Structures are given as structure tokens and as C-alpha cells.
Amino acid sequence: MEASGEHPVTQEQVRVRQVTHFQTSWTEGQAGAPGTFTVQLILDQGAEEYVVRPTADDLDVLYGLLRHEEAVYLDMNRKVLIFGNHAVG
């Protein structure tokens, strides 16, 4: 379905990769400043990588979803993580 006036998205324009592994790290900030979390997403068994830098609150939710969903995908063009593949109903 496309919105009025928009061009349809072709299959060649869609770049979705499966997240097969992830690595979480934390880097210390300056004294008294918060550190920085980094999550490295390994896509399609190492075919590509993608890095996200979530806030501490977002990391808590993201880590839970990455650990507990059976399948996680990344839409590379839209920069959207897609969690699960669930049947309707």
C-alpha cells in the first residue's frame, strides 16, 4: 500500500538483514559524566555489521528484545529493528 503521491518501494530498494549475533560494550566518559553504551549488531552471520548507541533506558529494553526474540531483523534503509515474526491470531 502506498500513500497518495508516493512512489512504490521496489524489492531492490529493500535491504533487510537478520541480526544473528550482537555484542554490547560500555565506554567510560569523563570524570562524573555518564558513559556510552554501544551495541554492535552482526548481520547475516557476519556479512555486514551495524552499530547503535542507545541510552541506558533504551539499552535495557533493546537487550531484552535481542535476548528473547526468536528472530530479529534490521531494515538497513529505514534504520528500523524488527522483532519477531509472529502469526496473526
PDB file of N, CA and C in Angstrom:
ATOM      1  N   MET A   1       0.853  -1.178   0.000  1.00  0.00           N
ATOM      2  CA  MET A   1       0.000   0.000   0.000  1.00  0.00           C
ATOM      3  C   MET A   1       0.892   1.233   0.000  1.00  0.00           C
ATOM      4  N   GLU A   2       0.599   2.182  -0.822  1.00  0.00           N
ATOM      5  CA  GLU A   2       1.395   3.396  -0.881  1.00  0.00           C
ATOM      6  C   GLU A   2       0.511   4.603  -0.640  1.00  0.00           C
ATOM      7  N   ALA A   3       1.081   5.625  -0.024  1.00  0.00           N
ATOM      8  CA  ALA A   3       0.341   6.857   0.214  1.00  0.00           C
ATOM      9  C   ALA A   3       0.204   7.622  -1.097  1.00  0.00           C
ATOM     10  N   SER A   4      -0.812   8.419  -1.178  1.00  0.00           N
ATOM     11  CA  SER A   4      -1.066   9.194  -2.390  1.00  0.00           C
ATOM     12  C   SER A   4       0.139  10.058  -2.723  1.00  0.00           C
ATOM     13  N   GLY A   5       0.600   9.972  -3.971  1.00  0.00           N
ATOM     14  CA  GLY A   5       1.706  10.798  -4.414  1.00  0.00           C
ATOM     15  C   GLY A   5       3.076  10.206  -4.152  1.00  0.00           C
ATOM     16  N   GLU A   6       3.160   9.115  -3.414  1.00  0.00           N
ATOM     17  CA  GLU A   6       4.448   8.488  -3.139  1.00  0.00           C
ATOM     18  C   GLU A   6       4.742   7.430  -4.188  1.00  0.00           C
ATOM     19  N   HIS A   7       6.024   7.213  -4.437  1.00  0.00           N
ATOM     20  CA  HIS A   7       6.432   6.173  -5.365  1.00  0.00           C
ATOM     21  C   HIS A   7       6.485   4.844  -4.636  1.00  0.00           C
ATOM     22  N   PRO A   8       6.091   3.765  -5.288  1.00  0.00           N
ATOM     23  CA  PRO A   8       6.153   2.461  -4.626  1.00  0.00           C
ATOM     24  C   PRO A   8       7.613   2.064  -4.377  1.00  0.00           C
ATOM     25  N   VAL A   9       7.830   1.311  -3.323  1.00  0.00           N
ATOM     26  CA  VAL A   9       9.162   0.813  -2.983  1.00  0.00           C
ATOM     27  C   VAL A   9       9.384  -0.481  -3.740  1.00  0.00           C
ATOM     28  N   THR A  10      10.478  -0.557  -4.470  1.00  0.00           N
ATOM     29  CA  THR A  10      10.774  -1.768  -5.222  1.00  0.00           C
ATOM     30  C   THR A  10      11.559  -2.741  -4.352  1.00  0.00           C
ATOM     31  N   GLN A  11      11.547  -3.995  -4.716  1.00  0.00           N
ATOM     32  CA  GLN A  11      12.246  -5.019  -3.963  1.00  0.00           C
ATOM     33  C   GLN A  11      13.748  -4.730  -3.882  1.00  0.00           C
ATOM     34  N   GLU A  12      14.305  -4.142  -4.930  1.00  0.00           N
ATOM     35  CA  GLU A  12      15.733  -3.819  -4.941  1.00  0.00           C
ATOM     36  C   GLU A  12      16.082  -2.751  -3.913  1.00  0.00           C
ATOM     37  N   GLN A  13      15.119  -1.924  -3.529  1.00  0.00           N
ATOM     38  CA  GLN A  13      15.369  -0.862  -2.568  1.00  0.00           C
ATOM     39  C   GLN A  13      15.284  -1.344  -1.125  1.00  0.00           C
ATOM     40  N   VAL A  14      14.727  -2.495  -0.892  1.00  0.00           N
ATOM     41  CA  VAL A  14      14.560  -3.018   0.459  1.00  0.00           C
ATOM     42  C   VAL A  14      15.808  -3.807   0.833  1.00  0.00           C
ATOM     43  N   ARG A  15      16.457  -3.395   1.907  1.00  0.00           N
ATOM     44  CA  ARG A  15      17.641  -4.092   2.396  1.00  0.00           C
ATOM     45  C   ARG A  15      17.387  -4.498   3.835  1.00  0.00           C
ATOM     46  N   VAL A  16      16.929  -5.710   4.023  1.00  0.00           N
ATOM     47  CA  VAL A  16      16.653  -6.229   5.354  1.00  0.00           C
ATOM     48  C   VAL A  16      17.629  -7.359   5.629  1.00  0.00           C
ATOM     49  N   ARG A  17      18.293  -7.287   6.772  1.00  0.00           N
ATOM     50  CA  ARG A  17      19.257  -8.306   7.184  1.00  0.00           C
ATOM     51  C   ARG A  17      18.819  -8.890   8.513  1.00  0.00           C
ATOM     52  N   GLN A  18      19.125 -10.169   8.720  1.00  0.00           N
ATOM     53  CA  GLN A  18      18.821 -10.793  10.010  1.00  0.00           C
ATOM     54  C   GLN A  18      19.967 -10.522  10.978  1.00  0.00           C
ATOM     55  N   VAL A  19      19.610 -10.142  12.191  1.00  0.00           N
ATOM     56  CA  VAL A  19      20.599  -9.973  13.252  1.00  0.00           C
ATOM     57  C   VAL A  19      20.881 -11.362  13.801  1.00  0.00           C
ATOM     58  N   THR A  20      22.098 -11.851  13.613  1.00  0.00           N
ATOM     59  CA  THR A  20      22.440 -13.206  14.052  1.00  0.00           C
ATOM     60  C   THR A  20      23.240 -13.217  15.349  1.00  0.00           C
ATOM     61  N   HIS A  21      23.929 -12.125  15.659  1.00  0.00           N
ATOM     62  CA  HIS A  21      24.686 -12.004  16.909  1.00  0.00           C
ATOM     63  C   HIS A  21      24.736 -10.528  17.292  1.00  0.00           C
ATOM     64  N   PHE A  22      25.048 -10.277  18.561  1.00  0.00           N
ATOM     65  CA  PHE A  22      25.263  -8.896  18.981  1.00  0.00           C
ATOM     66  C   PHE A  22      26.284  -8.857  20.101  1.00  0.00           C
ATOM     67  N   GLN A  23      26.955  -7.728  20.222  1.00  0.00           N
ATOM     68  CA  GLN A  23      27.950  -7.521  21.262  1.00  0.00           C
ATOM     69  C   GLN A  23      27.696  -6.163  21.882  1.00  0.00           C
ATOM     70  N   THR A  24      27.622  -6.123  23.204  1.00  0.00           N
ATOM     71  CA  THR A  24      27.356  -4.892  23.923  1.00  0.00           C
ATOM     72  C   THR A  24      28.629  -4.430  24.629  1.00  0.00           C
ATOM     73  N   SER A  25      28.895  -3.134  24.570  1.00  0.00           N
ATOM     74  CA  SER A  25      30.050  -2.588  25.287  1.00  0.00           C
ATOM     75  C   SER A  25      29.669  -1.263  25.924  1.00  0.00           C
ATOM     76  N   TRP A  26      30.495  -0.854  26.881  1.00  0.00           N
ATOM     77  CA  TRP A  26      30.303   0.419  27.570  1.00  0.00           C
ATOM     78  C   TRP A  26      31.646   1.122  27.621  1.00  0.00           C
ATOM     79  N   THR A  27      31.664   2.401  27.306  1.00  0.00           N
ATOM     80  CA  THR A  27      32.881   3.191  27.332  1.00  0.00           C
ATOM     81  C   THR A  27      32.734   4.277  28.380  1.00  0.00           C
ATOM     82  N   GLU A  28      33.735   4.377  29.242  1.00  0.00           N
ATOM     83  CA  GLU A  28      33.714   5.378  30.304  1.00  0.00           C
ATOM     84  C   GLU A  28      33.779   6.778  29.715  1.00  0.00           C
ATOM     85  N   GLY A  29      33.004   7.682  30.298  1.00  0.00           N
ATOM     86  CA  GLY A  29      33.044   9.078  29.888  1.00  0.00           C
ATOM     87  C   GLY A  29      34.038   9.832  30.751  1.00  0.00           C
ATOM     88  N   GLN A  30      34.033  11.137  30.671  1.00  0.00           N
ATOM     89  CA  GLN A  30      34.891  11.954  31.521  1.00  0.00           C
ATOM     90  C   GLN A  30      34.439  11.820  32.962  1.00  0.00           C
ATOM     91  N   ALA A  31      35.310  12.142  33.892  1.00  0.00           N
ATOM     92  CA  ALA A  31      35.006  12.012  35.319  1.00  0.00           C
ATOM     93  C   ALA A  31      33.674  12.691  35.642  1.00  0.00           C
ATOM     94  N   GLY A  32      32.771  11.931  36.239  1.00  0.00           N
ATOM     95  CA  GLY A  32      31.466  12.450  36.621  1.00  0.00           C
ATOM     96  C   GLY A  32      30.431  12.461  35.513  1.00  0.00           C
ATOM     97  N   ALA A  33      30.848  12.191  34.277  1.00  0.00           N
ATOM     98  CA  ALA A  33      29.915  12.182  33.142  1.00  0.00           C
ATOM     99  C   ALA A  33      29.477  10.743  32.869  1.00  0.00           C
ATOM    100  N   PRO A  34      28.292  10.577  32.314  1.00  0.00           N
ATOM    101  CA  PRO A  34      27.845   9.213  32.006  1.00  0.00           C
ATOM    102  C   PRO A  34      28.688   8.589  30.896  1.00  0.00           C
ATOM    103  N   GLY A  35      28.763   7.273  30.907  1.00  0.00           N
ATOM    104  CA  GLY A  35      29.461   6.546  29.855  1.00  0.00           C
ATOM    105  C   GLY A  35      28.567   6.374  28.639  1.00  0.00           C
ATOM    106  N   THR A  36      29.093   5.683  27.637  1.00  0.00           N
ATOM    107  CA  THR A  36      28.365   5.466  26.390  1.00  0.00           C
ATOM    108  C   THR A  36      28.230   3.979  26.125  1.00  0.00           C
ATOM    109  N   PHE A  37      26.997   3.530  25.900  1.00  0.00           N
ATOM    110  CA  PHE A  37      26.746   2.150  25.519  1.00  0.00           C
ATOM    111  C   PHE A  37      26.791   2.032  24.003  1.00  0.00           C
ATOM    112  N   THR A  38      27.337   0.923  23.530  1.00  0.00           N
ATOM    113  CA  THR A  38      27.384   0.620  22.109  1.00  0.00           C
ATOM    114  C   THR A  38      26.934  -0.817  21.914  1.00  0.00           C
ATOM    115  N   VAL A  39      26.064  -1.042  20.930  1.00  0.00           N
ATOM    116  CA  VAL A  39      25.643  -2.398  20.584  1.00  0.00           C
ATOM    117  C   VAL A  39      26.028  -2.628  19.128  1.00  0.00           C
ATOM    118  N   GLN A  40      26.893  -3.597  18.917  1.00  0.00           N
ATOM    119  CA  GLN A  40      27.311  -3.972  17.568  1.00  0.00           C
ATOM    120  C   GLN A  40      26.422  -5.127  17.121  1.00  0.00           C
ATOM    121  N   LEU A  41      25.683  -4.913  16.055  1.00  0.00           N
ATOM    122  CA  LEU A  41      24.807  -5.944  15.507  1.00  0.00           C
ATOM    123  C   LEU A  41      25.545  -6.661  14.386  1.00  0.00           C
ATOM    124  N   ILE A  42      25.639  -7.967  14.483  1.00  0.00           N
ATOM    125  CA  ILE A  42      26.244  -8.785  13.439  1.00  0.00           C
ATOM    126  C   ILE A  42      25.093  -9.289  12.576  1.00  0.00           C
ATOM    127  N   LEU A  43      25.146  -8.992  11.292  1.00  0.00           N
ATOM    128  CA  LEU A  43      24.036  -9.284  10.392  1.00  0.00           C
ATOM    129  C   LEU A  43      24.382 -10.438   9.462  1.00  0.00           C
ATOM    130  N   ASP A  44      23.425 -11.337   9.286  1.00  0.00           N
ATOM    131  CA  ASP A  44      23.575 -12.476   8.371  1.00  0.00           C
ATOM    132  C   ASP A  44      24.916 -13.189   8.540  1.00  0.00           C
ATOM    133  N   GLN A  45      25.187 -13.614   9.778  1.00  0.00           N
ATOM    134  CA  GLN A  45      26.388 -14.400  10.107  1.00  0.00           C
ATOM    135  C   GLN A  45      27.686 -13.678   9.732  1.00  0.00           C
ATOM    136  N   GLY A  46      27.714 -12.358   9.834  1.00  0.00           N
ATOM    137  CA  GLY A  46      28.936 -11.605   9.580  1.00  0.00           C
ATOM    138  C   GLY A  46      29.023 -10.965   8.217  1.00  0.00           C
ATOM    139  N   ALA A  47      27.987 -11.072   7.403  1.00  0.00           N
ATOM    140  CA  ALA A  47      28.011 -10.444   6.075  1.00  0.00           C
ATOM    141  C   ALA A  47      28.106  -8.923   6.182  1.00  0.00           C
ATOM    142  N   GLU A  48      27.581  -8.397   7.278  1.00  0.00           N
ATOM    143  CA  GLU A  48      27.598  -6.946   7.475  1.00  0.00           C
ATOM    144  C   GLU A  48      27.468  -6.683   8.970  1.00  0.00           C
ATOM    145  N   GLU A  49      27.843  -5.485   9.403  1.00  0.00           N
ATOM    146  CA  GLU A  49      27.711  -5.075  10.796  1.00  0.00           C
ATOM    147  C   GLU A  49      27.036  -3.720  10.856  1.00  0.00           C
ATOM    148  N   TYR A  50      26.406  -3.454  11.995  1.00  0.00           N
ATOM    149  CA  TYR A  50      25.745  -2.171  12.193  1.00  0.00           C
ATOM    150  C   TYR A  50      25.874  -1.830  13.670  1.00  0.00           C
ATOM    151  N   VAL A  51      26.151  -0.569  14.000  1.00  0.00           N
ATOM    152  CA  VAL A  51      26.356  -0.154  15.383  1.00  0.00           C
ATOM    153  C   VAL A  51      25.271   0.821  15.789  1.00  0.00           C
ATOM    154  N   VAL A  52      24.707   0.598  16.991  1.00  0.00           N
ATOM    155  CA  VAL A  52      23.739   1.532  17.579  1.00  0.00           C
ATOM    156  C   VAL A  52      24.280   1.992  18.921  1.00  0.00           C
ATOM    157  N   ARG A  53      23.934   3.207  19.316  1.00  0.00           N
ATOM    158  CA  ARG A  53      24.381   3.761  20.594  1.00  0.00           C
ATOM    159  C   ARG A  53      23.154   4.202  21.400  1.00  0.00           C
ATOM    160  N   PRO A  54      22.516   3.242  22.063  1.00  0.00           N
ATOM    161  CA  PRO A  54      21.286   3.562  22.800  1.00  0.00           C
ATOM    162  C   PRO A  54      21.579   4.234  24.144  1.00  0.00           C
ATOM    163  N   THR A  55      20.568   4.917  24.651  1.00  0.00           N
ATOM    164  CA  THR A  55      20.638   5.423  26.018  1.00  0.00           C
ATOM    165  C   THR A  55      20.567   4.221  26.958  1.00  0.00           C
ATOM    166  N   ALA A  56      20.861   4.433  28.232  1.00  0.00           N
ATOM    167  CA  ALA A  56      20.802   3.341  29.208  1.00  0.00           C
ATOM    168  C   ALA A  56      19.388   2.764  29.277  1.00  0.00           C
ATOM    169  N   ASP A  57      18.364   3.610  29.260  1.00  0.00           N
ATOM    170  CA  ASP A  57      16.977   3.125  29.298  1.00  0.00           C
ATOM    171  C   ASP A  57      16.637   2.317  28.048  1.00  0.00           C
ATOM    172  N   ASP A  58      17.029   2.821  26.890  1.00  0.00           N
ATOM    173  CA  ASP A  58      16.766   2.100  25.642  1.00  0.00           C
ATOM    174  C   ASP A  58      17.537   0.787  25.596  1.00  0.00           C
ATOM    175  N   LEU A  59      18.758   0.784  26.136  1.00  0.00           N
ATOM    176  CA  LEU A  59      19.556  -0.441  26.136  1.00  0.00           C
ATOM    177  C   LEU A  59      18.869  -1.539  26.939  1.00  0.00           C
ATOM    178  N   ASP A  60      18.257  -1.180  28.040  1.00  0.00           N
ATOM    179  CA  ASP A  60      17.556  -2.158  28.877  1.00  0.00           C
ATOM    180  C   ASP A  60      16.474  -2.873  28.071  1.00  0.00           C
ATOM    181  N   VAL A  61      15.683  -2.125  27.346  1.00  0.00           N
ATOM    182  CA  VAL A  61      14.615  -2.691  26.519  1.00  0.00           C
ATOM    183  C   VAL A  61      15.201  -3.450  25.326  1.00  0.00           C
ATOM    184  N   LEU A  62      16.168  -2.835  24.645  1.00  0.00           N
ATOM    185  CA  LEU A  62      16.781  -3.444  23.469  1.00  0.00           C
ATOM    186  C   LEU A  62      17.431  -4.781  23.814  1.00  0.00           C
ATOM    187  N   TYR A  63      18.164  -4.833  24.915  1.00  0.00           N
ATOM    188  CA  TYR A  63      18.839  -6.060  25.329  1.00  0.00           C
ATOM    189  C   TYR A  63      17.813  -7.175  25.572  1.00  0.00           C
ATOM    190  N   GLY A  64      16.717  -6.842  26.233  1.00  0.00           N
ATOM    191  CA  GLY A  64      15.670  -7.841  26.478  1.00  0.00           C
ATOM    192  C   GLY A  64      15.079  -8.373  25.188  1.00  0.00           C
ATOM    193  N   LEU A  65      14.810  -7.503  24.243  1.00  0.00           N
ATOM    194  CA  LEU A  65      14.255  -7.938  22.961  1.00  0.00           C
ATOM    195  C   LEU A  65      15.257  -8.784  22.177  1.00  0.00           C
ATOM    196  N   LEU A  66      16.519  -8.359  22.147  1.00  0.00           N
ATOM    197  CA  LEU A  66      17.534  -9.127  21.419  1.00  0.00           C
ATOM    198  C   LEU A  66      17.724 -10.519  22.026  1.00  0.00           C
ATOM    199  N   ARG A  67      17.631 -10.623  23.338  1.00  0.00           N
ATOM    200  CA  ARG A  67      17.843 -11.904  24.017  1.00  0.00           C
ATOM    201  C   ARG A  67      16.656 -12.862  23.881  1.00  0.00           C
ATOM    202  N   HIS A  68      15.453 -12.326  23.793  1.00  0.00           N
ATOM    203  CA  HIS A  68      14.279 -13.191  23.912  1.00  0.00           C
ATOM    204  C   HIS A  68      13.487 -13.406  22.630  1.00  0.00           C
ATOM    205  N   GLU A  69      13.710 -12.603  21.619  1.00  0.00           N
ATOM    206  CA  GLU A  69      13.000 -12.817  20.356  1.00  0.00           C
ATOM    207  C   GLU A  69      13.698 -13.903  19.551  1.00  0.00           C
ATOM    208  N   GLU A  70      12.915 -14.729  18.881  1.00  0.00           N
ATOM    209  CA  GLU A  70      13.476 -15.791  18.052  1.00  0.00           C
ATOM    210  C   GLU A  70      14.170 -15.246  16.816  1.00  0.00           C
ATOM    211  N   ALA A  71      13.624 -14.191  16.246  1.00  0.00           N
ATOM    212  CA  ALA A  71      14.191 -13.605  15.037  1.00  0.00           C
ATOM    213  C   ALA A  71      14.168 -12.085  15.155  1.00  0.00           C
ATOM    214  N   VAL A  72      15.290 -11.463  14.797  1.00  0.00           N
ATOM    215  CA  VAL A  72      15.391 -10.008  14.796  1.00  0.00           C
ATOM    216  C   VAL A  72      15.980  -9.605  13.453  1.00  0.00           C
ATOM    217  N   TYR A  73      15.400  -8.586  12.832  1.00  0.00           N
ATOM    218  CA  TYR A  73      15.839  -8.117  11.525  1.00  0.00           C
ATOM    219  C   TYR A  73      16.138  -6.628  11.600  1.00  0.00           C
ATOM    220  N   LEU A  74      17.019  -6.169  10.723  1.00  0.00           N
ATOM    221  CA  LEU A  74      17.319  -4.752  10.612  1.00  0.00           C
ATOM    222  C   LEU A  74      17.028  -4.302   9.194  1.00  0.00           C
ATOM    223  N   ASP A  75      16.140  -3.333   9.063  1.00  0.00           N
ATOM    224  CA  ASP A  75      15.888  -2.692   7.777  1.00  0.00           C
ATOM    225  C   ASP A  75      16.966  -1.622   7.643  1.00  0.00           C
ATOM    226  N   MET A  76      17.948  -1.894   6.797  1.00  0.00           N
ATOM    227  CA  MET A  76      19.120  -1.030   6.674  1.00  0.00           C
ATOM    228  C   MET A  76      18.767   0.363   6.147  1.00  0.00           C
ATOM    229  N   ASN A  77      17.819   0.447   5.246  1.00  0.00           N
ATOM    230  CA  ASN A  77      17.471   1.745   4.661  1.00  0.00           C
ATOM    231  C   ASN A  77      16.734   2.643   5.636  1.00  0.00           C
ATOM    232  N   ARG A  78      15.802   2.072   6.359  1.00  0.00           N
ATOM    233  CA  ARG A  78      14.985   2.868   7.286  1.00  0.00           C
ATOM    234  C   ARG A  78      15.583   2.930   8.686  1.00  0.00           C
ATOM    235  N   LYS A  79      16.640   2.106   8.952  1.00  0.00           N
ATOM    236  CA  LYS A  79      17.277   2.039  10.273  1.00  0.00           C
ATOM    237  C   LYS A  79      16.251   1.648  11.344  1.00  0.00           C
ATOM    238  N   VAL A  80      15.544   0.539  11.055  1.00  0.00           N
ATOM    239  CA  VAL A  80      14.500   0.048  11.947  1.00  0.00           C
ATOM    240  C   VAL A  80      14.808  -1.389  12.328  1.00  0.00           C
ATOM    241  N   LEU A  81      14.802  -1.681  13.628  1.00  0.00           N
ATOM    242  CA  LEU A  81      14.920  -3.060  14.090  1.00  0.00           C
ATOM    243  C   LEU A  81      13.519  -3.656  14.149  1.00  0.00           C
ATOM    244  N   ILE A  82      13.384  -4.866  13.628  1.00  0.00           N
ATOM    245  CA  ILE A  82      12.102  -5.559  13.576  1.00  0.00           C
ATOM    246  C   ILE A  82      12.237  -6.810  14.435  1.00  0.00           C
ATOM    247  N   PHE A  83      11.392  -6.913  15.455  1.00  0.00           N
ATOM    248  CA  PHE A  83      11.497  -8.007  16.420  1.00  0.00           C
ATOM    249  C   PHE A  83      10.431  -9.047  16.182  1.00  0.00           C
ATOM    250  N   GLY A  84      10.882 -10.275  15.952  1.00  0.00           N
ATOM    251  CA  GLY A  84       9.976 -11.411  15.845  1.00  0.00           C
ATOM    252  C   GLY A  84       9.297 -11.523  14.496  1.00  0.00           C
ATOM    253  N   ASN A  85       8.732 -12.674  14.335  1.00  0.00           N
ATOM    254  CA  ASN A  85       7.963 -12.994  13.147  1.00  0.00           C
ATOM    255  C   ASN A  85       6.792 -13.818  13.668  1.00  0.00           C
ATOM    256  N   HIS A  86       5.707 -13.150  14.016  1.00  0.00           N
ATOM    257  CA  HIS A  86       4.601 -13.794  14.714  1.00  0.00           C
ATOM    258  C   HIS A  86       3.382 -13.945  13.808  1.00  0.00           C
ATOM    259  N   ALA A  87       2.732 -15.083  13.922  1.00  0.00           N
ATOM    260  CA  ALA A  87       1.490 -15.313  13.192  1.00  0.00           C
ATOM    261  C   ALA A  87       0.378 -14.432  13.762  1.00  0.00           C
ATOM    262  N   VAL A  88      -0.501 -14.000  12.913  1.00  0.00           N
ATOM    263  CA  VAL A  88      -1.637 -13.197  13.336  1.00  0.00           C
ATOM    264  C   VAL A  88      -2.721 -14.121  13.882  1.00  0.00           C
ATOM    265  N   GLY A  89      -3.293 -13.735  15.018  1.00  0.00           N
ATOM    266  CA  GLY A  89      -4.420 -14.506  15.545  1.00  0.00           C
ATOM    267  C   GLY A  89      -4.147 -15.389  16.672  1.00  0.00           C
TER     268      GLY A  89
END
